[in-house]
Amino acid sequence: MASAVIQLSIKPRVPGEPGLPKRPVARLVVTPTGCEGDYNHYRTRSLAGDPDQAVLVVTDEAIASLVAEGWPMTPGDFGENITLGGVAEASLVPGTLLTIGAVRLEVSKPCEPCSNLYHLPYVGRERGPEFLRVTRDRRGWYARVLTPGTIGLSDRVTVETPAARG
């Protein structure tokens, strides 16, 4: 399978509603500070809009591994903006460059599981601690935006790992 976008997701700010899951959209406008129409409370309030956490990327491989373990995950559940198909989870490390259409991202750091995941309907407070444990190192990757632009569904993805660039 060629590497491509399989879902783009946002969640506008709606007072009283949790930020998860994010909802699919056909196009995503990516700016240096994040994705238009997407509100991330933690990034906005606690991190003052940290550009190293502008975009959250998850692979379909990470989702599939959790589904195989009995968690009924779907793209957008982790709060990711971009769900990638055909990209090996092991290829995403800090410094990896992702080119998606005209947009260029640099993976900055892993996304750590947090209690916001309790809002997912199949998790809740009772299963929350277990879900946080099983999603450690599988919650996705934050990325900074090197080249802003618009991403569409099925856009091709090019992955350049730090090792491959030498």
C-alpha atoms as a PDB file:
ATOM      1  CA  MET A   1       0.000   0.000   0.000  1.00  0.00           C
ATOM      2  CA  ALA A   2       1.308   3.433  -0.911  1.00  0.00           C
ATOM      3  CA  SER A   3       1.540   5.890   1.945  1.00  0.00           C
ATOM      4  CA  ALA A   4      -1.455   8.229   1.928  1.00  0.00           C
ATOM      5  CA  VAL A   5      -3.808  10.220   4.119  1.00  0.00           C
ATOM      6  CA  ILE A   6      -6.776   8.088   5.155  1.00  0.00           C
ATOM      7  CA  GLN A   7      -8.538  10.639   7.374  1.00  0.00           C
ATOM      8  CA  LEU A   8      -8.288  14.320   8.257  1.00  0.00           C
ATOM      9  CA  SER A   9      -9.925  15.397  11.510  1.00  0.00           C
ATOM     10  CA  ILE A  10     -10.733  18.516  13.510  1.00  0.00           C
ATOM     11  CA  LYS A  11     -12.810  19.457  16.524  1.00  0.00           C
ATOM     12  CA  PRO A  12     -13.951  23.064  16.793  1.00  0.00           C
ATOM     13  CA  ARG A  13     -14.179  24.647  20.217  1.00  0.00           C
ATOM     14  CA  VAL A  14     -17.631  23.885  21.611  1.00  0.00           C
ATOM     15  CA  PRO A  15     -18.042  24.872  25.268  1.00  0.00           C
ATOM     16  CA  GLY A  16     -19.075  21.894  27.376  1.00  0.00           C
ATOM     17  CA  GLU A  17     -18.029  19.310  24.765  1.00  0.00           C
ATOM     18  CA  PRO A  18     -14.863  17.222  25.064  1.00  0.00           C
ATOM     19  CA  GLY A  19     -12.255  17.518  22.323  1.00  0.00           C
ATOM     20  CA  LEU A  20     -12.465  13.817  21.454  1.00  0.00           C
ATOM     21  CA  PRO A  21     -13.150  12.198  19.144  1.00  0.00           C
ATOM     22  CA  LYS A  22     -12.330  14.569  16.309  1.00  0.00           C
ATOM     23  CA  ARG A  23     -14.607  14.626  13.293  1.00  0.00           C
ATOM     24  CA  PRO A  24     -13.560  13.855   9.709  1.00  0.00           C
ATOM     25  CA  VAL A  25     -13.213  16.631   7.145  1.00  0.00           C
ATOM     26  CA  ALA A  26     -12.408  16.495   3.424  1.00  0.00           C
ATOM     27  CA  ARG A  27      -9.641  19.122   3.530  1.00  0.00           C
ATOM     28  CA  LEU A  28      -7.323  20.403   6.206  1.00  0.00           C
ATOM     29  CA  VAL A  29      -5.729  23.847   6.118  1.00  0.00           C
ATOM     30  CA  VAL A  30      -2.464  23.567   8.025  1.00  0.00           C
ATOM     31  CA  THR A  31      -0.852  26.711   9.447  1.00  0.00           C
ATOM     32  CA  PRO A  32       2.308  27.112  11.557  1.00  0.00           C
ATOM     33  CA  THR A  33       0.106  27.195  14.675  1.00  0.00           C
ATOM     34  CA  GLY A  34      -2.146  24.242  13.845  1.00  0.00           C
ATOM     35  CA  CYS A  35      -5.120  23.271  11.717  1.00  0.00           C
ATOM     36  CA  GLU A  36      -7.826  25.779  10.877  1.00  0.00           C
ATOM     37  CA  GLY A  37     -11.074  25.014  12.669  1.00  0.00           C
ATOM     38  CA  ASP A  38      -9.390  22.752  15.229  1.00  0.00           C
ATOM     39  CA  TYR A  39      -9.207  23.671  18.898  1.00  0.00           C
ATOM     40  CA  ASN A  40      -6.825  21.953  21.283  1.00  0.00           C
ATOM     41  CA  HIS A  41      -7.481  23.153  24.838  1.00  0.00           C
ATOM     42  CA  TYR A  42      -4.245  21.759  26.290  1.00  0.00           C
ATOM     43  CA  ARG A  43      -2.035  23.215  23.557  1.00  0.00           C
ATOM     44  CA  THR A  44      -3.812  26.579  23.689  1.00  0.00           C
ATOM     45  CA  ARG A  45      -4.089  27.039  27.468  1.00  0.00           C
ATOM     46  CA  SER A  46      -1.202  25.077  28.977  1.00  0.00           C
ATOM     47  CA  LEU A  47       1.403  25.280  26.216  1.00  0.00           C
ATOM     48  CA  ALA A  48       0.679  28.775  24.857  1.00  0.00           C
ATOM     49  CA  GLY A  49       0.245  27.384  21.328  1.00  0.00           C
ATOM     50  CA  ASP A  50       3.553  25.479  21.260  1.00  0.00           C
ATOM     51  CA  PRO A  51       4.439  25.187  17.530  1.00  0.00           C
ATOM     52  CA  ASP A  52       6.126  21.830  18.213  1.00  0.00           C
ATOM     53  CA  GLN A  53       2.620  20.478  18.894  1.00  0.00           C
ATOM     54  CA  ALA A  54       0.832  22.155  15.979  1.00  0.00           C
ATOM     55  CA  VAL A  55      -0.415  18.920  14.367  1.00  0.00           C
ATOM     56  CA  LEU A  56      -1.074  15.426  15.734  1.00  0.00           C
ATOM     57  CA  VAL A  57      -0.366  12.501  13.393  1.00  0.00           C
ATOM     58  CA  VAL A  58      -1.378   8.851  13.970  1.00  0.00           C
ATOM     59  CA  THR A  59      -0.752   5.809  11.800  1.00  0.00           C
ATOM     60  CA  ASP A  60      -3.417   3.301  10.850  1.00  0.00           C
ATOM     61  CA  GLU A  61      -0.917   0.695  12.111  1.00  0.00           C
ATOM     62  CA  ALA A  62      -1.226   2.050  15.677  1.00  0.00           C
ATOM     63  CA  ILE A  63      -5.028   2.065  15.446  1.00  0.00           C
ATOM     64  CA  ALA A  64      -5.121  -1.458  13.971  1.00  0.00           C
ATOM     65  CA  SER A  65      -2.943  -2.823  16.773  1.00  0.00           C
ATOM     66  CA  LEU A  66      -5.359  -1.489  19.387  1.00  0.00           C
ATOM     67  CA  VAL A  67      -8.384  -2.784  17.470  1.00  0.00           C
ATOM     68  CA  ALA A  68      -6.726  -6.223  17.416  1.00  0.00           C
ATOM     69  CA  GLU A  69      -6.508  -6.005  21.209  1.00  0.00           C
ATOM     70  CA  GLY A  70     -10.259  -5.386  21.473  1.00  0.00           C
ATOM     71  CA  TRP A  71     -10.447  -1.571  21.578  1.00  0.00           C
ATOM     72  CA  PRO A  72     -13.004  -0.384  18.957  1.00  0.00           C
ATOM     73  CA  MET A  73     -10.918   2.578  17.781  1.00  0.00           C
ATOM     74  CA  THR A  74     -11.532   4.572  14.638  1.00  0.00           C
ATOM     75  CA  PRO A  75      -9.516   7.396  13.047  1.00  0.00           C
ATOM     76  CA  GLY A  76      -9.970  10.650  14.977  1.00  0.00           C
ATOM     77  CA  ASP A  77     -10.385   8.941  18.364  1.00  0.00           C
ATOM     78  CA  PHE A  78      -6.881   9.872  19.528  1.00  0.00           C
ATOM     79  CA  GLY A  79      -7.526  13.503  18.658  1.00  0.00           C
ATOM     80  CA  GLU A  80      -5.235  13.320  15.681  1.00  0.00           C
ATOM     81  CA  ASN A  81      -5.548  15.734  12.810  1.00  0.00           C
ATOM     82  CA  ILE A  82      -4.019  13.383  10.241  1.00  0.00           C
ATOM     83  CA  THR A  83      -4.388   9.604  10.091  1.00  0.00           C
ATOM     84  CA  LEU A  84      -1.749   8.069   7.846  1.00  0.00           C
ATOM     85  CA  GLY A  85      -2.144   4.812   5.947  1.00  0.00           C
ATOM     86  CA  GLY A  86       0.796   2.714   4.845  1.00  0.00           C
ATOM     87  CA  VAL A  87       3.303   4.472   7.121  1.00  0.00           C
ATOM     88  CA  ALA A  88       5.230   2.246   9.518  1.00  0.00           C
ATOM     89  CA  GLU A  89       4.838   3.378  13.110  1.00  0.00           C
ATOM     90  CA  ALA A  90       8.552   2.707  13.671  1.00  0.00           C
ATOM     91  CA  SER A  91       9.456   5.278  10.990  1.00  0.00           C
ATOM     92  CA  LEU A  92       7.996   8.124  13.038  1.00  0.00           C
ATOM     93  CA  VAL A  93      10.637   9.486  15.393  1.00  0.00           C
ATOM     94  CA  PRO A  94      11.641  13.043  16.265  1.00  0.00           C
ATOM     95  CA  GLY A  95      13.208  14.612  13.202  1.00  0.00           C
ATOM     96  CA  THR A  96      11.242  12.555  10.651  1.00  0.00           C
ATOM     97  CA  LEU A  97      10.010  14.739   7.801  1.00  0.00           C
ATOM     98  CA  LEU A  98       6.546  14.168   6.349  1.00  0.00           C
ATOM     99  CA  THR A  99       5.531  15.676   3.038  1.00  0.00           C
ATOM    100  CA  ILE A 100       1.777  15.494   2.509  1.00  0.00           C
ATOM    101  CA  GLY A 101       0.706  17.210  -0.682  1.00  0.00           C
ATOM    102  CA  ALA A 102       2.307  20.674  -0.439  1.00  0.00           C
ATOM    103  CA  VAL A 103       2.534  20.534   3.380  1.00  0.00           C
ATOM    104  CA  ARG A 104       5.799  19.658   5.084  1.00  0.00           C
ATOM    105  CA  LEU A 105       5.868  18.575   8.741  1.00  0.00           C
ATOM    106  CA  GLU A 106       8.664  17.587  11.100  1.00  0.00           C
ATOM    107  CA  VAL A 107       7.868  15.075  13.814  1.00  0.00           C
ATOM    108  CA  SER A 108       8.785  16.700  17.127  1.00  0.00           C
ATOM    109  CA  LYS A 109       7.723  14.387  19.968  1.00  0.00           C
ATOM    110  CA  PRO A 110       5.393  11.585  20.968  1.00  0.00           C
ATOM    111  CA  CYS A 111       1.918  12.358  22.258  1.00  0.00           C
ATOM    112  CA  GLU A 112       1.484  10.968  25.745  1.00  0.00           C
ATOM    113  CA  PRO A 113      -1.873   9.430  26.705  1.00  0.00           C
ATOM    114  CA  CYS A 114      -3.959  11.604  29.021  1.00  0.00           C
ATOM    115  CA  SER A 115      -7.264  11.468  30.873  1.00  0.00           C
ATOM    116  CA  ASN A 116      -9.047  13.169  27.941  1.00  0.00           C
ATOM    117  CA  LEU A 117      -9.134   9.688  26.416  1.00  0.00           C
ATOM    118  CA  TYR A 118     -11.671   8.793  29.125  1.00  0.00           C
ATOM    119  CA  HIS A 119     -14.234  10.733  27.024  1.00  0.00           C
ATOM    120  CA  LEU A 120     -14.191   8.046  24.351  1.00  0.00           C
ATOM    121  CA  PRO A 121     -17.421   6.041  24.657  1.00  0.00           C
ATOM    122  CA  TYR A 122     -15.648   2.685  24.915  1.00  0.00           C
ATOM    123  CA  VAL A 123     -13.210   3.883  27.596  1.00  0.00           C
ATOM    124  CA  GLY A 124     -14.873   5.918  30.372  1.00  0.00           C
ATOM    125  CA  ARG A 125     -13.557   6.284  33.917  1.00  0.00           C
ATOM    126  CA  GLU A 126     -13.676   2.570  34.701  1.00  0.00           C
ATOM    127  CA  ARG A 127     -11.454   1.478  31.792  1.00  0.00           C
ATOM    128  CA  GLY A 128      -9.508   4.747  31.555  1.00  0.00           C
ATOM    129  CA  PRO A 129      -6.378   3.732  33.499  1.00  0.00           C
ATOM    130  CA  GLU A 130      -6.090   0.515  31.470  1.00  0.00           C
ATOM    131  CA  PHE A 131      -6.490   2.420  28.185  1.00  0.00           C
ATOM    132  CA  LEU A 132      -3.800   4.914  29.188  1.00  0.00           C
ATOM    133  CA  ARG A 133      -1.426   2.011  29.862  1.00  0.00           C
ATOM    134  CA  VAL A 134      -2.066   0.240  26.557  1.00  0.00           C
ATOM    135  CA  THR A 135      -1.817   3.435  24.507  1.00  0.00           C
ATOM    136  CA  ARG A 136       1.563   4.496  25.915  1.00  0.00           C
ATOM    137  CA  ASP A 137       3.932   4.862  22.957  1.00  0.00           C
ATOM    138  CA  ARG A 138       0.991   4.423  20.531  1.00  0.00           C
ATOM    139  CA  ARG A 139      -0.935   7.711  20.888  1.00  0.00           C
ATOM    140  CA  GLY A 140       0.693   9.328  17.875  1.00  0.00           C
ATOM    141  CA  TRP A 141       3.210  12.023  17.158  1.00  0.00           C
ATOM    142  CA  TYR A 142       3.188  15.787  17.363  1.00  0.00           C
ATOM    143  CA  ALA A 143       4.682  17.693  14.461  1.00  0.00           C
ATOM    144  CA  ARG A 144       5.767  21.236  13.741  1.00  0.00           C
ATOM    145  CA  VAL A 145       4.774  22.814  10.451  1.00  0.00           C
ATOM    146  CA  LEU A 146       7.677  23.622   8.134  1.00  0.00           C
ATOM    147  CA  THR A 147       5.563  24.430   5.059  1.00  0.00           C
ATOM    148  CA  PRO A 148       1.890  25.330   5.572  1.00  0.00           C
ATOM    149  CA  GLY A 149      -0.809  24.543   3.044  1.00  0.00           C
ATOM    150  CA  THR A 150      -3.871  22.426   2.382  1.00  0.00           C
ATOM    151  CA  ILE A 151      -4.088  18.644   2.654  1.00  0.00           C
ATOM    152  CA  GLY A 152      -6.786  16.574   0.980  1.00  0.00           C
ATOM    153  CA  LEU A 153      -7.980  13.030   1.537  1.00  0.00           C
ATOM    154  CA  SER A 154      -5.825  10.427  -0.193  1.00  0.00           C
ATOM    155  CA  ASP A 155      -2.907  12.846  -0.603  1.00  0.00           C
ATOM    156  CA  ARG A 156       0.333  10.923  -0.923  1.00  0.00           C
ATOM    157  CA  VAL A 157       2.728  10.915   2.003  1.00  0.00           C
ATOM    158  CA  THR A 158       6.508  10.897   1.741  1.00  0.00           C
ATOM    159  CA  VAL A 159       8.461   9.908   4.855  1.00  0.00           C
ATOM    160  CA  GLU A 160      12.101  10.929   5.315  1.00  0.00           C
ATOM    161  CA  THR A 161      13.646   9.511   8.484  1.00  0.00           C
ATOM    162  CA  PRO A 162      16.624  11.259  10.084  1.00  0.00           C
ATOM    163  CA  ALA A 163      18.805   8.185   9.390  1.00  0.00           C
ATOM    164  CA  ALA A 164      17.908   8.182   5.686  1.00  0.00           C
ATOM    165  CA  ARG A 165      18.900  11.855   5.364  1.00  0.00           C
ATOM    166  CA  GLY A 166      22.285  11.084   6.932  1.00  0.00           C
END
